[in-house]
Amino acid sequence: MSPESGHDLRFLYPVSPDPEGLVDSSSLPEPLSYGLQPRHVLRAIEDVQDLLHQLNVVLHESAYEPLEDLLDRASFSGLISRTITTRLAEARSGSLVVNRYHNGYPDLIPHGRYPNDTVQRGVGLEVKASRSDGSWQSHGPRPGWFIVVQFQIDETESVARLQHEPTRVVAAMLANLGEEDWSWQPARAGRIRSGTASVKASGRLKLRDGAVWID
């Protein structure tokens, strides 16, 4: 759907990530793991943006609310992280695969390292998608490679929903974090929610220094 056919509905405009935001791998503090290159991440971001656009066009034509309103925050972030995970596995099909263990860690693991490419807890690359610019969390203070894909949703209350700017990815950061880069908040007694690990200032600095693409 073109903007004209959408009656100038801003929310349905396609988003094209700017390739000028791509960082040269030689400028990163350390080489990326598993043969990943910044261009692989940019291509995955392009696929995320295309998927969000196509889904919202179909939803709009079928008189549904935008995807951002149909899904809760965790599910929407999960859609982005899963798309990034799948696309990076395709880009590095010879070295990385999607971890087939349900809720296993990490999301991407070295091909052939674990039986049936399945492991509850192993080594590889964990993928996170977040609207936050620094309050990144995990289920545990785990060391290893992380990629954080930061995105923005326009929630301007003074503008009609379909006149909002489309959701866009604004940054992708990769870093090898240690346990010392995490803080840990145990679950409170009587609460269903599990404990939460949050990236400390040292981890945030590593991730920002490892930015491979910035809008």
Foldseek 3Di string as FASTA:
>chain_A
DDCVVVVNQQQLHQDQADPVQFDAQVQFPDHDPLPDALVLQNVLQNVLRVVQNVVQVVCVVVVHDRPPVVDDPVVVFVVSQVSSLCSSCVVNVQFWDAAPEVCAPARIDGPPPDVVSHDRYDADEHEGEEQDLFWDKDLALAWYKYKYWHKDDFPDPVDPRSNGHHIHTFWIFMAGDDSVQWDKAADDPPDPDGIMITGHPVRSVRRVSRIRGGD
